[in-house]
N, C-alpha and C. Protein backbone atom coordinates (compact mmCIF):
# COMPACT_ATOMS: atom_id res chain seq x y z
N MET A 1 -11.30 -8.14 -8.89
CA MET A 1 -11.15 -7.33 -7.68
C MET A 1 -9.67 -7.11 -7.39
N THR A 2 -9.35 -5.92 -6.97
CA THR A 2 -7.96 -5.57 -6.68
C THR A 2 -7.58 -6.05 -5.30
N ASP A 3 -6.38 -6.61 -5.20
CA ASP A 3 -5.87 -7.04 -3.91
C ASP A 3 -5.11 -5.88 -3.29
N PHE A 4 -5.71 -5.21 -2.33
CA PHE A 4 -5.12 -4.02 -1.73
C PHE A 4 -3.86 -4.33 -0.93
N LEU A 5 -3.68 -5.58 -0.55
CA LEU A 5 -2.48 -5.94 0.20
C LEU A 5 -1.23 -5.89 -0.66
N THR A 6 -1.38 -6.03 -1.97
CA THR A 6 -0.22 -6.03 -2.86
C THR A 6 -0.28 -4.92 -3.90
N ASN A 7 -1.22 -3.99 -3.78
CA ASN A 7 -1.38 -2.92 -4.77
C ASN A 7 -0.84 -1.61 -4.21
N ALA A 8 0.46 -1.39 -4.41
CA ALA A 8 1.11 -0.19 -3.89
C ALA A 8 0.55 1.08 -4.54
N ASP A 9 0.17 0.99 -5.81
CA ASP A 9 -0.36 2.17 -6.50
C ASP A 9 -1.64 2.68 -5.84
N HIS A 10 -2.46 1.78 -5.35
CA HIS A 10 -3.69 2.17 -4.65
C HIS A 10 -3.36 3.05 -3.45
N TRP A 11 -2.39 2.62 -2.64
CA TRP A 11 -2.04 3.36 -1.43
C TRP A 11 -1.34 4.67 -1.75
N ARG A 12 -0.51 4.68 -2.81
CA ARG A 12 0.14 5.94 -3.20
C ARG A 12 -0.89 6.97 -3.66
N LYS A 13 -1.89 6.52 -4.41
CA LYS A 13 -2.95 7.41 -4.88
C LYS A 13 -3.72 7.99 -3.68
N ARG A 14 -4.01 7.15 -2.71
CA ARG A 14 -4.71 7.63 -1.51
C ARG A 14 -3.87 8.66 -0.76
N ALA A 15 -2.56 8.41 -0.68
CA ALA A 15 -1.67 9.37 -0.02
C ALA A 15 -1.68 10.70 -0.76
N GLU A 16 -1.64 10.64 -2.08
CA GLU A 16 -1.66 11.86 -2.90
C GLU A 16 -2.96 12.64 -2.68
N LEU A 17 -4.08 11.94 -2.68
CA LEU A 17 -5.37 12.60 -2.48
C LEU A 17 -5.49 13.19 -1.07
N THR A 18 -4.94 12.50 -0.10
CA THR A 18 -5.00 12.98 1.28
C THR A 18 -4.14 14.23 1.45
N ARG A 19 -2.97 14.25 0.79
CA ARG A 19 -2.12 15.45 0.85
C ARG A 19 -2.81 16.64 0.18
N ALA A 20 -3.50 16.38 -0.92
CA ALA A 20 -4.23 17.46 -1.59
C ALA A 20 -5.33 18.00 -0.68
N LEU A 21 -6.00 17.10 0.02
CA LEU A 21 -7.04 17.51 0.96
C LEU A 21 -6.42 18.32 2.11
N ALA A 22 -5.27 17.88 2.59
CA ALA A 22 -4.60 18.60 3.68
C ALA A 22 -4.20 20.01 3.26
N ALA A 23 -3.83 20.16 1.99
CA ALA A 23 -3.41 21.47 1.50
C ALA A 23 -4.55 22.48 1.51
N THR A 24 -5.78 21.99 1.41
CA THR A 24 -6.93 22.89 1.38
C THR A 24 -7.72 22.90 2.69
N ALA A 25 -7.33 22.08 3.62
CA ALA A 25 -8.07 21.97 4.88
C ALA A 25 -7.74 23.13 5.81
N ALA A 26 -8.75 23.65 6.45
CA ALA A 26 -8.55 24.73 7.41
C ALA A 26 -8.13 24.15 8.76
N LYS A 27 -8.59 22.95 9.04
CA LYS A 27 -8.28 22.29 10.30
C LYS A 27 -7.68 20.92 10.03
N ASP A 28 -7.00 20.39 10.99
CA ASP A 28 -6.49 19.02 10.97
C ASP A 28 -5.50 18.73 9.85
N GLN A 29 -4.75 19.72 9.39
CA GLN A 29 -3.76 19.48 8.35
C GLN A 29 -2.71 18.46 8.81
N GLY A 30 -2.26 18.62 10.03
CA GLY A 30 -1.26 17.71 10.57
C GLY A 30 -1.75 16.28 10.62
N ARG A 31 -2.97 16.11 11.04
CA ARG A 31 -3.56 14.78 11.12
C ARG A 31 -3.67 14.16 9.73
N LEU A 32 -4.10 14.94 8.76
CA LEU A 32 -4.23 14.43 7.39
C LEU A 32 -2.86 14.06 6.81
N LEU A 33 -1.85 14.85 7.11
CA LEU A 33 -0.51 14.53 6.62
C LEU A 33 0.02 13.25 7.25
N LYS A 34 -0.32 13.00 8.51
CA LYS A 34 0.06 11.74 9.15
C LYS A 34 -0.64 10.56 8.49
N VAL A 35 -1.90 10.74 8.13
CA VAL A 35 -2.63 9.68 7.43
C VAL A 35 -1.96 9.41 6.08
N ALA A 36 -1.56 10.46 5.38
CA ALA A 36 -0.88 10.30 4.09
C ALA A 36 0.43 9.53 4.27
N GLU A 37 1.16 9.80 5.33
CA GLU A 37 2.39 9.06 5.62
C GLU A 37 2.10 7.59 5.84
N GLU A 38 1.02 7.30 6.53
CA GLU A 38 0.64 5.90 6.75
C GLU A 38 0.27 5.21 5.44
N TYR A 39 -0.39 5.93 4.55
CA TYR A 39 -0.68 5.36 3.22
C TYR A 39 0.61 5.06 2.47
N ASP A 40 1.60 5.95 2.58
CA ASP A 40 2.90 5.69 1.96
C ASP A 40 3.55 4.44 2.56
N ARG A 41 3.39 4.30 3.85
CA ARG A 41 3.94 3.11 4.53
C ARG A 41 3.24 1.84 4.04
N LEU A 42 1.94 1.91 3.87
CA LEU A 42 1.20 0.76 3.34
C LEU A 42 1.64 0.44 1.92
N ALA A 43 1.94 1.46 1.13
CA ALA A 43 2.43 1.24 -0.24
C ALA A 43 3.76 0.48 -0.21
N ALA A 44 4.65 0.88 0.68
CA ALA A 44 5.94 0.20 0.80
C ALA A 44 5.74 -1.25 1.23
N LEU A 45 4.86 -1.47 2.17
CA LEU A 45 4.58 -2.84 2.61
C LEU A 45 3.95 -3.67 1.50
N ALA A 46 3.09 -3.05 0.69
CA ALA A 46 2.47 -3.76 -0.42
C ALA A 46 3.52 -4.18 -1.44
N GLU A 47 4.52 -3.33 -1.68
CA GLU A 47 5.60 -3.70 -2.60
C GLU A 47 6.38 -4.89 -2.07
N VAL A 48 6.68 -4.88 -0.79
CA VAL A 48 7.40 -5.99 -0.18
C VAL A 48 6.57 -7.26 -0.28
N ARG A 49 5.30 -7.14 0.03
CA ARG A 49 4.41 -8.30 -0.01
C ARG A 49 4.31 -8.87 -1.42
N ARG A 50 4.21 -7.98 -2.43
CA ARG A 50 4.10 -8.44 -3.81
C ARG A 50 5.38 -9.15 -4.24
N SER A 51 6.54 -8.60 -3.85
CA SER A 51 7.80 -9.21 -4.25
C SER A 51 8.04 -10.54 -3.54
N ALA A 52 7.39 -10.74 -2.41
CA ALA A 52 7.57 -11.98 -1.65
C ALA A 52 6.56 -13.06 -2.03
N MET A 53 5.62 -12.70 -2.91
CA MET A 53 4.59 -13.67 -3.28
C MET A 53 5.21 -14.82 -4.07
N VAL A 54 4.71 -16.00 -3.81
CA VAL A 54 5.17 -17.19 -4.49
C VAL A 54 4.31 -17.39 -5.74
N PRO A 55 4.93 -17.66 -6.89
CA PRO A 55 4.14 -17.88 -8.11
C PRO A 55 3.16 -19.04 -7.95
N SER A 56 2.00 -18.93 -8.59
CA SER A 56 1.03 -20.00 -8.49
C SER A 56 1.59 -21.26 -9.14
N GLY A 57 1.29 -22.39 -8.56
CA GLY A 57 1.79 -23.66 -9.08
C GLY A 57 3.16 -24.03 -8.54
N TYR A 58 3.76 -23.16 -7.75
CA TYR A 58 5.09 -23.43 -7.20
C TYR A 58 4.99 -24.51 -6.13
N VAL A 59 5.88 -25.51 -6.25
CA VAL A 59 5.95 -26.58 -5.26
C VAL A 59 7.38 -26.62 -4.79
N PRO A 60 7.64 -26.41 -3.50
CA PRO A 60 9.00 -26.44 -2.99
C PRO A 60 9.63 -27.82 -3.22
N ALA A 61 10.92 -27.83 -3.44
CA ALA A 61 11.64 -29.09 -3.65
C ALA A 61 11.48 -29.99 -2.42
N GLY A 62 11.29 -31.26 -2.67
CA GLY A 62 11.17 -32.23 -1.58
C GLY A 62 9.77 -32.35 -1.01
N ARG A 63 8.82 -31.61 -1.55
CA ARG A 63 7.43 -31.70 -1.07
C ARG A 63 6.57 -32.28 -2.17
N PRO A 64 5.73 -33.20 -1.84
CA PRO A 64 4.83 -33.77 -2.86
C PRO A 64 3.80 -32.74 -3.32
N GLU A 65 3.38 -32.88 -4.57
CA GLU A 65 2.37 -31.96 -5.11
C GLU A 65 1.06 -32.27 -4.56
């Protein structure tokens, strides 16, 4: 299963699909574009979250295993 909290590609793809939908929508184009911006924001947060993840098995110095 994909972890959506750290999968920036998932959110970028959703933003791309939402923009494509907005391009063909007769109504609510502005709303759809705002949703796409939020997906881009989630992608950026996912990248930060992924880069901040601690490797499995990591034990901080001075702490017992």
